[in-house]
N, C-alpha and C. Protein backbone atom coordinates (compact mmCIF):
# COMPACT_ATOMS: atom_id res chain seq x y z
N MET A 1 127.48 111.29 117.36
CA MET A 1 127.29 111.14 115.93
C MET A 1 126.69 112.44 115.39
N LYS A 2 127.24 112.96 114.31
CA LYS A 2 126.74 114.18 113.70
C LYS A 2 125.47 113.90 112.90
N PHE A 3 124.62 114.93 112.77
CA PHE A 3 123.35 114.76 112.09
C PHE A 3 123.50 114.32 110.63
N THR A 4 124.65 114.55 110.04
CA THR A 4 124.87 114.13 108.65
C THR A 4 125.20 112.64 108.53
N GLU A 5 125.36 111.98 109.65
CA GLU A 5 125.74 110.57 109.63
C GLU A 5 124.57 109.62 109.86
N TYR A 6 123.36 110.16 109.96
CA TYR A 6 122.19 109.31 110.12
C TYR A 6 121.00 109.90 109.38
N HIS A 7 120.04 109.06 109.07
CA HIS A 7 118.80 109.51 108.46
C HIS A 7 117.86 110.02 109.55
N THR A 8 117.01 110.96 109.20
CA THR A 8 115.99 111.45 110.12
C THR A 8 114.64 111.31 109.46
N ARG A 9 113.68 110.80 110.22
CA ARG A 9 112.31 110.72 109.73
C ARG A 9 111.44 111.57 110.63
N LEU A 10 110.78 112.57 110.05
CA LEU A 10 109.86 113.43 110.77
C LEU A 10 108.45 112.95 110.47
N ALA A 11 107.69 112.66 111.51
CA ALA A 11 106.32 112.19 111.33
C ALA A 11 105.40 112.99 112.25
N ALA A 12 104.15 113.11 111.83
CA ALA A 12 103.17 113.89 112.59
C ALA A 12 101.85 113.14 112.63
N TYR A 13 101.20 113.19 113.78
CA TYR A 13 99.99 112.40 114.01
C TYR A 13 98.92 113.24 114.69
N ALA A 14 97.68 112.72 114.66
CA ALA A 14 96.56 113.40 115.31
C ALA A 14 95.92 112.50 116.35
N VAL A 15 95.57 113.09 117.48
CA VAL A 15 94.74 112.44 118.48
C VAL A 15 93.36 113.07 118.34
N ILE A 16 92.39 112.23 117.99
CA ILE A 16 91.02 112.68 117.79
C ILE A 16 90.13 111.84 118.71
N VAL A 17 89.54 112.47 119.69
CA VAL A 17 88.66 111.79 120.64
C VAL A 17 87.30 112.46 120.55
N ASP A 18 86.25 111.64 120.38
CA ASP A 18 84.90 112.20 120.23
C ASP A 18 84.18 112.29 121.58
N ALA A 19 82.95 112.77 121.54
CA ALA A 19 82.16 112.98 122.76
C ALA A 19 81.81 111.67 123.47
N GLN A 20 81.87 110.56 122.75
CA GLN A 20 81.60 109.25 123.35
C GLN A 20 82.86 108.60 123.93
N GLU A 21 83.93 109.39 124.05
CA GLU A 21 85.21 108.90 124.59
C GLU A 21 85.81 107.79 123.73
N ARG A 22 85.70 107.96 122.40
CA ARG A 22 86.32 107.03 121.46
C ARG A 22 87.46 107.75 120.75
N ILE A 23 88.53 107.02 120.48
CA ILE A 23 89.67 107.58 119.76
C ILE A 23 89.67 107.01 118.35
N LEU A 24 90.03 107.83 117.39
CA LEU A 24 90.10 107.41 116.00
C LEU A 24 91.48 106.82 115.73
N LEU A 25 91.51 105.57 115.31
CA LEU A 25 92.76 104.90 114.99
C LEU A 25 92.74 104.39 113.55
N SER A 26 93.91 104.19 112.99
CA SER A 26 94.01 103.62 111.65
C SER A 26 94.78 102.31 111.73
N TRP A 27 94.45 101.39 110.82
CA TRP A 27 95.07 100.07 110.80
C TRP A 27 96.23 100.08 109.81
N TYR A 28 97.44 100.00 110.34
CA TYR A 28 98.66 99.91 109.54
C TYR A 28 98.80 98.46 109.10
N ASN A 29 98.93 98.24 107.79
CA ASN A 29 98.90 96.88 107.25
C ASN A 29 100.24 96.14 107.29
N GLY A 30 101.26 96.75 107.81
CA GLY A 30 102.54 96.06 107.94
C GLY A 30 103.48 96.25 106.77
N THR A 31 103.09 97.03 105.78
CA THR A 31 103.97 97.31 104.65
C THR A 31 105.11 98.19 105.13
N GLY A 32 106.32 97.72 105.02
CA GLY A 32 107.46 98.51 105.46
C GLY A 32 108.17 97.88 106.63
N ARG A 33 108.43 98.67 107.66
CA ARG A 33 109.28 98.24 108.77
C ARG A 33 108.63 97.30 109.77
N ASP A 34 107.46 97.61 110.24
CA ASP A 34 106.87 96.89 111.36
C ASP A 34 105.71 96.01 110.91
N GLY A 35 105.24 95.18 111.84
CA GLY A 35 104.09 94.35 111.57
C GLY A 35 102.81 95.16 111.63
N PRO A 36 101.69 94.55 111.23
CA PRO A 36 100.41 95.26 111.23
C PRO A 36 99.94 95.60 112.63
N GLY A 37 99.13 96.64 112.73
CA GLY A 37 98.55 97.02 114.01
C GLY A 37 97.89 98.38 113.97
N TRP A 38 97.21 98.73 115.05
CA TRP A 38 96.55 100.02 115.16
C TRP A 38 97.59 101.11 115.43
N THR A 39 97.36 102.26 114.84
CA THR A 39 98.21 103.41 115.06
C THR A 39 97.35 104.67 115.00
N LEU A 40 97.96 105.80 115.26
CA LEU A 40 97.27 107.07 115.12
C LEU A 40 97.23 107.45 113.65
N PRO A 41 96.19 108.16 113.22
CA PRO A 41 96.22 108.69 111.86
C PRO A 41 97.38 109.69 111.74
N GLY A 42 98.16 109.54 110.71
CA GLY A 42 99.31 110.41 110.51
C GLY A 42 100.41 109.68 109.80
N GLY A 43 101.56 110.31 109.72
CA GLY A 43 102.69 109.68 109.07
C GLY A 43 103.76 110.69 108.70
N GLY A 44 104.54 110.30 107.72
CA GLY A 44 105.69 111.09 107.33
C GLY A 44 105.36 112.46 106.78
N VAL A 45 106.18 113.43 107.15
CA VAL A 45 106.05 114.80 106.66
C VAL A 45 106.93 114.93 105.42
N GLU A 46 106.33 115.35 104.32
CA GLU A 46 107.07 115.53 103.08
C GLU A 46 108.02 116.72 103.19
N TYR A 47 109.02 116.76 102.33
CA TYR A 47 110.10 117.75 102.39
C TYR A 47 109.58 119.20 102.42
N ALA A 48 108.70 119.56 101.51
CA ALA A 48 108.25 120.95 101.41
C ALA A 48 106.92 121.19 102.14
N GLU A 49 106.54 120.28 103.02
CA GLU A 49 105.25 120.33 103.70
C GLU A 49 105.43 120.77 105.15
N THR A 50 104.47 121.53 105.65
CA THR A 50 104.50 121.86 107.08
C THR A 50 104.00 120.66 107.88
N ILE A 51 104.33 120.64 109.14
CA ILE A 51 103.86 119.57 110.01
C ILE A 51 102.34 119.56 110.05
N GLU A 52 101.76 120.73 110.18
CA GLU A 52 100.31 120.84 110.26
C GLU A 52 99.63 120.36 108.98
N ALA A 53 100.17 120.75 107.83
CA ALA A 53 99.60 120.30 106.56
C ALA A 53 99.72 118.79 106.41
N ALA A 54 100.81 118.23 106.89
CA ALA A 54 101.00 116.78 106.80
C ALA A 54 99.94 116.05 107.63
N ILE A 55 99.65 116.54 108.81
CA ILE A 55 98.63 115.89 109.64
C ILE A 55 97.28 115.93 108.95
N VAL A 56 96.89 117.09 108.47
CA VAL A 56 95.60 117.24 107.80
C VAL A 56 95.52 116.29 106.60
N ARG A 57 96.58 116.24 105.79
CA ARG A 57 96.61 115.35 104.61
C ARG A 57 96.53 113.89 105.02
N GLU A 58 97.37 113.49 105.98
CA GLU A 58 97.41 112.10 106.39
C GLU A 58 96.09 111.63 107.00
N VAL A 59 95.48 112.46 107.85
CA VAL A 59 94.20 112.09 108.45
C VAL A 59 93.16 111.89 107.36
N ARG A 60 93.13 112.80 106.40
CA ARG A 60 92.16 112.68 105.29
C ARG A 60 92.38 111.39 104.51
N GLU A 61 93.64 111.09 104.16
CA GLU A 61 93.94 109.88 103.40
C GLU A 61 93.58 108.61 104.17
N GLU A 62 93.90 108.59 105.46
CA GLU A 62 93.77 107.37 106.24
C GLU A 62 92.39 107.15 106.85
N THR A 63 91.63 108.23 107.04
CA THR A 63 90.33 108.08 107.72
C THR A 63 89.14 108.62 106.94
N GLY A 64 89.37 109.47 105.95
CA GLY A 64 88.27 110.09 105.22
C GLY A 64 87.77 111.38 105.85
N TYR A 65 88.29 111.73 107.01
CA TYR A 65 87.83 112.93 107.72
C TYR A 65 88.73 114.13 107.45
N ASP A 66 88.09 115.31 107.45
CA ASP A 66 88.81 116.57 107.46
C ASP A 66 88.93 116.98 108.93
N VAL A 67 90.09 117.54 109.28
CA VAL A 67 90.29 117.93 110.67
C VAL A 67 90.80 119.35 110.78
N GLU A 68 90.52 119.92 111.94
CA GLU A 68 91.14 121.18 112.36
C GLU A 68 92.04 120.82 113.53
N LEU A 69 93.22 121.40 113.53
CA LEU A 69 94.19 121.07 114.56
C LEU A 69 94.05 121.95 115.78
N GLY A 70 94.31 121.34 116.91
CA GLY A 70 94.44 122.06 118.17
C GLY A 70 95.91 122.35 118.38
N TRP A 71 96.37 122.10 119.59
CA TRP A 71 97.76 122.37 119.92
C TRP A 71 98.58 121.08 119.92
N PRO A 72 99.90 121.24 119.85
CA PRO A 72 100.76 120.05 119.95
C PRO A 72 100.57 119.41 121.33
N LEU A 73 100.37 118.11 121.35
CA LEU A 73 100.10 117.38 122.58
C LEU A 73 101.37 116.76 123.16
N VAL A 74 102.18 116.16 122.30
CA VAL A 74 103.39 115.50 122.78
C VAL A 74 104.35 115.32 121.61
N THR A 75 105.61 115.32 121.93
CA THR A 75 106.64 114.96 120.94
C THR A 75 107.41 113.78 121.49
N HIS A 76 107.96 113.00 120.58
CA HIS A 76 108.71 111.83 120.99
C HIS A 76 109.75 111.52 119.92
N SER A 77 110.90 111.10 120.35
CA SER A 77 111.91 110.68 119.37
C SER A 77 112.61 109.43 119.87
N PHE A 78 113.13 108.68 118.94
CA PHE A 78 113.93 107.51 119.28
C PHE A 78 114.95 107.30 118.18
N THR A 79 115.98 106.57 118.51
CA THR A 79 117.02 106.25 117.54
C THR A 79 117.07 104.75 117.34
N ASP A 80 117.54 104.36 116.18
CA ASP A 80 117.72 102.95 115.86
C ASP A 80 119.10 102.80 115.24
N PRO A 81 120.02 102.20 115.96
CA PRO A 81 121.38 102.08 115.43
C PRO A 81 121.51 101.02 114.35
N VAL A 82 120.48 100.19 114.19
CA VAL A 82 120.58 99.11 113.21
C VAL A 82 120.77 99.74 111.84
N THR A 83 119.73 99.98 111.10
CA THR A 83 119.80 100.72 109.84
C THR A 83 118.41 101.00 109.35
N TRP A 84 118.30 102.00 108.55
CA TRP A 84 117.04 102.33 107.92
C TRP A 84 117.22 102.11 106.44
N HIS A 85 116.54 101.13 105.90
CA HIS A 85 116.73 100.74 104.50
C HIS A 85 115.80 101.46 103.54
N GLU A 86 114.83 102.21 104.04
CA GLU A 86 113.89 102.90 103.15
C GLU A 86 114.52 104.11 102.47
N ALA A 87 115.49 104.70 103.08
CA ALA A 87 116.10 105.91 102.52
C ALA A 87 117.08 105.52 101.42
N PRO A 88 117.26 106.41 100.46
CA PRO A 88 118.24 106.13 99.40
C PRO A 88 119.66 106.12 99.95
N GLY A 89 120.53 105.44 99.26
CA GLY A 89 121.93 105.40 99.67
C GLY A 89 122.20 104.21 100.57
N PRO A 90 123.39 104.16 101.08
CA PRO A 90 123.75 103.02 101.94
C PRO A 90 122.95 103.06 103.25
N PRO A 91 122.65 101.90 103.81
CA PRO A 91 121.94 101.87 105.10
C PRO A 91 122.73 102.61 106.18
N ARG A 92 122.01 103.41 106.97
CA ARG A 92 122.61 104.16 108.07
C ARG A 92 121.67 104.12 109.26
N PRO A 93 122.18 104.43 110.44
CA PRO A 93 121.28 104.56 111.59
C PRO A 93 120.27 105.68 111.31
N TYR A 94 119.17 105.65 112.06
CA TYR A 94 118.20 106.74 111.87
C TYR A 94 117.61 107.20 113.19
N LYS A 95 117.07 108.41 113.13
CA LYS A 95 116.37 109.02 114.25
C LYS A 95 114.95 109.32 113.79
N SER A 96 114.00 108.91 114.58
CA SER A 96 112.60 109.20 114.30
C SER A 96 112.15 110.30 115.25
N VAL A 97 111.54 111.34 114.70
CA VAL A 97 110.99 112.44 115.48
C VAL A 97 109.50 112.48 115.18
N ARG A 98 108.68 112.33 116.23
CA ARG A 98 107.23 112.25 116.06
C ARG A 98 106.55 113.34 116.87
N ILE A 99 105.63 114.03 116.22
CA ILE A 99 104.89 115.13 116.83
C ILE A 99 103.41 114.78 116.76
N VAL A 100 102.73 114.89 117.90
CA VAL A 100 101.31 114.56 117.98
C VAL A 100 100.52 115.80 118.35
N TYR A 101 99.51 116.10 117.53
CA TYR A 101 98.61 117.24 117.77
C TYR A 101 97.24 116.74 118.19
N LEU A 102 96.55 117.52 118.98
CA LEU A 102 95.12 117.32 119.19
C LEU A 102 94.41 117.80 117.94
N ALA A 103 93.31 117.16 117.60
CA ALA A 103 92.55 117.57 116.42
C ALA A 103 91.08 117.22 116.63
N HIS A 104 90.23 117.88 115.86
CA HIS A 104 88.81 117.51 115.87
C HIS A 104 88.29 117.51 114.44
N ILE A 105 87.28 116.71 114.23
CA ILE A 105 86.72 116.51 112.89
C ILE A 105 85.84 117.70 112.52
N CYS A 106 86.03 118.17 111.29
CA CYS A 106 85.20 119.27 110.80
C CYS A 106 84.51 118.93 109.48
N GLY A 107 84.65 117.69 109.03
CA GLY A 107 83.99 117.28 107.79
C GLY A 107 84.44 115.90 107.36
N GLY A 108 83.87 115.44 106.25
CA GLY A 108 84.23 114.14 105.71
C GLY A 108 83.42 113.01 106.34
N ILE A 109 83.67 111.79 105.85
CA ILE A 109 83.03 110.60 106.39
C ILE A 109 84.08 109.51 106.55
N LEU A 110 83.84 108.63 107.50
CA LEU A 110 84.79 107.56 107.79
C LEU A 110 84.99 106.67 106.57
N GLY A 111 86.22 106.52 106.16
CA GLY A 111 86.57 105.65 105.04
C GLY A 111 87.96 105.98 104.54
N THR A 112 88.80 104.98 104.43
CA THR A 112 90.17 105.19 103.99
C THR A 112 90.21 105.56 102.52
N LEU A 113 90.88 106.66 102.20
CA LEU A 113 90.99 107.13 100.83
C LEU A 113 92.32 106.74 100.19
N GLU A 114 93.24 106.27 100.99
CA GLU A 114 94.58 105.92 100.53
C GLU A 114 94.50 104.70 99.61
N LYS A 115 95.14 104.77 98.47
CA LYS A 115 95.17 103.66 97.51
C LYS A 115 96.56 103.05 97.50
N ASP A 116 96.63 101.74 97.66
CA ASP A 116 97.91 101.02 97.65
C ASP A 116 98.89 101.58 98.67
N GLY A 117 98.39 101.97 99.81
CA GLY A 117 99.24 102.55 100.84
C GLY A 117 99.40 101.61 102.02
N THR A 118 99.74 102.17 103.15
CA THR A 118 100.01 101.38 104.35
C THR A 118 98.81 101.30 105.29
N THR A 119 97.71 101.98 104.97
CA THR A 119 96.53 101.98 105.82
C THR A 119 95.39 101.25 105.13
N ASP A 120 94.86 100.24 105.82
CA ASP A 120 93.75 99.46 105.26
C ASP A 120 92.39 99.98 105.68
N ARG A 121 92.31 100.53 106.90
CA ARG A 121 91.01 100.99 107.40
C ARG A 121 91.24 101.90 108.61
N ALA A 122 90.17 102.55 109.01
CA ALA A 122 90.18 103.37 110.23
C ALA A 122 88.94 103.01 111.02
N ALA A 123 89.02 103.19 112.34
CA ALA A 123 87.89 102.85 113.19
C ALA A 123 87.95 103.65 114.49
N TRP A 124 86.78 103.82 115.08
CA TRP A 124 86.67 104.43 116.40
C TRP A 124 86.78 103.33 117.44
N MET A 125 87.60 103.55 118.46
CA MET A 125 87.79 102.57 119.51
C MET A 125 87.57 103.27 120.86
N PRO A 126 86.81 102.63 121.76
CA PRO A 126 86.65 103.24 123.08
C PRO A 126 88.02 103.49 123.72
N LEU A 127 88.20 104.69 124.21
CA LEU A 127 89.49 105.10 124.77
C LEU A 127 89.96 104.15 125.88
N ASN A 128 89.02 103.68 126.69
CA ASN A 128 89.42 102.79 127.79
C ASN A 128 89.76 101.38 127.33
N GLU A 129 89.50 101.03 126.06
CA GLU A 129 89.84 99.70 125.54
C GLU A 129 91.20 99.68 124.84
N VAL A 130 91.78 100.82 124.60
CA VAL A 130 93.07 100.88 123.89
C VAL A 130 94.15 100.05 124.59
N PRO A 131 94.28 100.11 125.92
CA PRO A 131 95.34 99.31 126.56
C PRO A 131 95.16 97.80 126.39
N MET A 132 93.96 97.36 126.05
CA MET A 132 93.71 95.93 125.88
C MET A 132 93.91 95.47 124.44
N THR A 133 94.22 96.38 123.55
CA THR A 133 94.41 96.05 122.15
C THR A 133 95.84 95.56 121.96
N ASP A 134 95.99 94.31 121.54
CA ASP A 134 97.32 93.72 121.42
C ASP A 134 98.17 94.37 120.33
N SER A 135 97.63 94.52 119.17
CA SER A 135 98.40 95.02 118.03
C SER A 135 98.25 96.52 117.91
N ARG A 136 99.20 97.26 118.50
CA ARG A 136 99.16 98.72 118.40
C ARG A 136 100.58 99.26 118.46
N ALA A 137 100.76 100.37 117.79
CA ALA A 137 102.06 101.05 117.79
C ALA A 137 102.25 101.78 119.12
N ASP A 138 103.49 101.93 119.53
CA ASP A 138 103.78 102.60 120.80
C ASP A 138 103.34 104.06 120.80
N ILE A 139 103.23 104.67 119.63
CA ILE A 139 102.80 106.07 119.57
C ILE A 139 101.37 106.22 120.10
N VAL A 140 100.57 105.17 119.98
CA VAL A 140 99.20 105.20 120.51
C VAL A 140 99.24 105.34 122.03
N ASP A 141 100.05 104.51 122.68
CA ASP A 141 100.15 104.58 124.14
C ASP A 141 100.68 105.92 124.62
N LEU A 142 101.71 106.43 123.93
CA LEU A 142 102.27 107.73 124.28
C LEU A 142 101.22 108.83 124.16
N ALA A 143 100.46 108.79 123.08
CA ALA A 143 99.46 109.82 122.82
C ALA A 143 98.30 109.74 123.80
N VAL A 144 97.83 108.53 124.09
CA VAL A 144 96.72 108.37 125.03
C VAL A 144 97.12 108.85 126.42
N ALA A 145 98.32 108.51 126.85
CA ALA A 145 98.80 108.97 128.15
C ALA A 145 98.89 110.50 128.19
N ALA A 146 99.40 111.11 127.13
CA ALA A 146 99.50 112.57 127.07
C ALA A 146 98.12 113.20 127.03
N PHE A 147 97.20 112.59 126.29
CA PHE A 147 95.83 113.11 126.22
C PHE A 147 95.18 113.10 127.60
N ARG A 148 95.32 111.98 128.29
CA ARG A 148 94.73 111.87 129.63
C ARG A 148 95.37 112.85 130.61
N GLN A 149 96.67 113.01 130.54
CA GLN A 149 97.37 113.95 131.42
C GLN A 149 96.93 115.38 131.12
N ASN A 150 96.82 115.71 129.86
CA ASN A 150 96.40 117.05 129.44
C ASN A 150 94.97 117.33 129.87
N ARG A 151 94.11 116.35 129.71
CA ARG A 151 92.71 116.52 130.10
C ARG A 151 92.59 116.70 131.60
N GLY A 152 93.40 115.98 132.36
CA GLY A 152 93.40 116.09 133.81
C GLY A 152 93.85 117.46 134.27
N SER A 153 94.78 118.08 133.54
CA SER A 153 95.27 119.40 133.92
C SER A 153 94.28 120.51 133.56
N ASP A 154 93.33 120.20 132.65
CA ASP A 154 92.33 121.19 132.26
C ASP A 154 91.12 121.19 133.19
N SER A 155 90.99 120.16 134.02
CA SER A 155 89.80 120.03 134.88
C SER A 155 89.80 121.04 136.00
């Protein structure tokens, strides 16, 4: 299938882990495609926006924190042959491309700034409790695994 025959969604996220081994997650309220659950702070990259600027903006909106980015941690993509109804025009298959960066907090305070959006709240969760959390997006598991692998290679 040629790239002109499907929609593409580019999204960017941040993995933020503090000194107490807690990861910052945001609560997606289920508006849109999927049901509610924990996810990484981040989201769609606007047309004229850089990936890095999108992460900084999304983290601020969803968590109240300002961040500085580290390096890209992991990328992931998947396709859905069903259809993506959010895009204008007739429904078509879509490809999701997700990029996750390491980040650290450099300002702000915890509190969702997004109004009438898809994020209801943000919270710190112990990193070792993430696998026991029932309602979470798959990007969380991918990012935590990459974070742990990356940290292990730095030791």
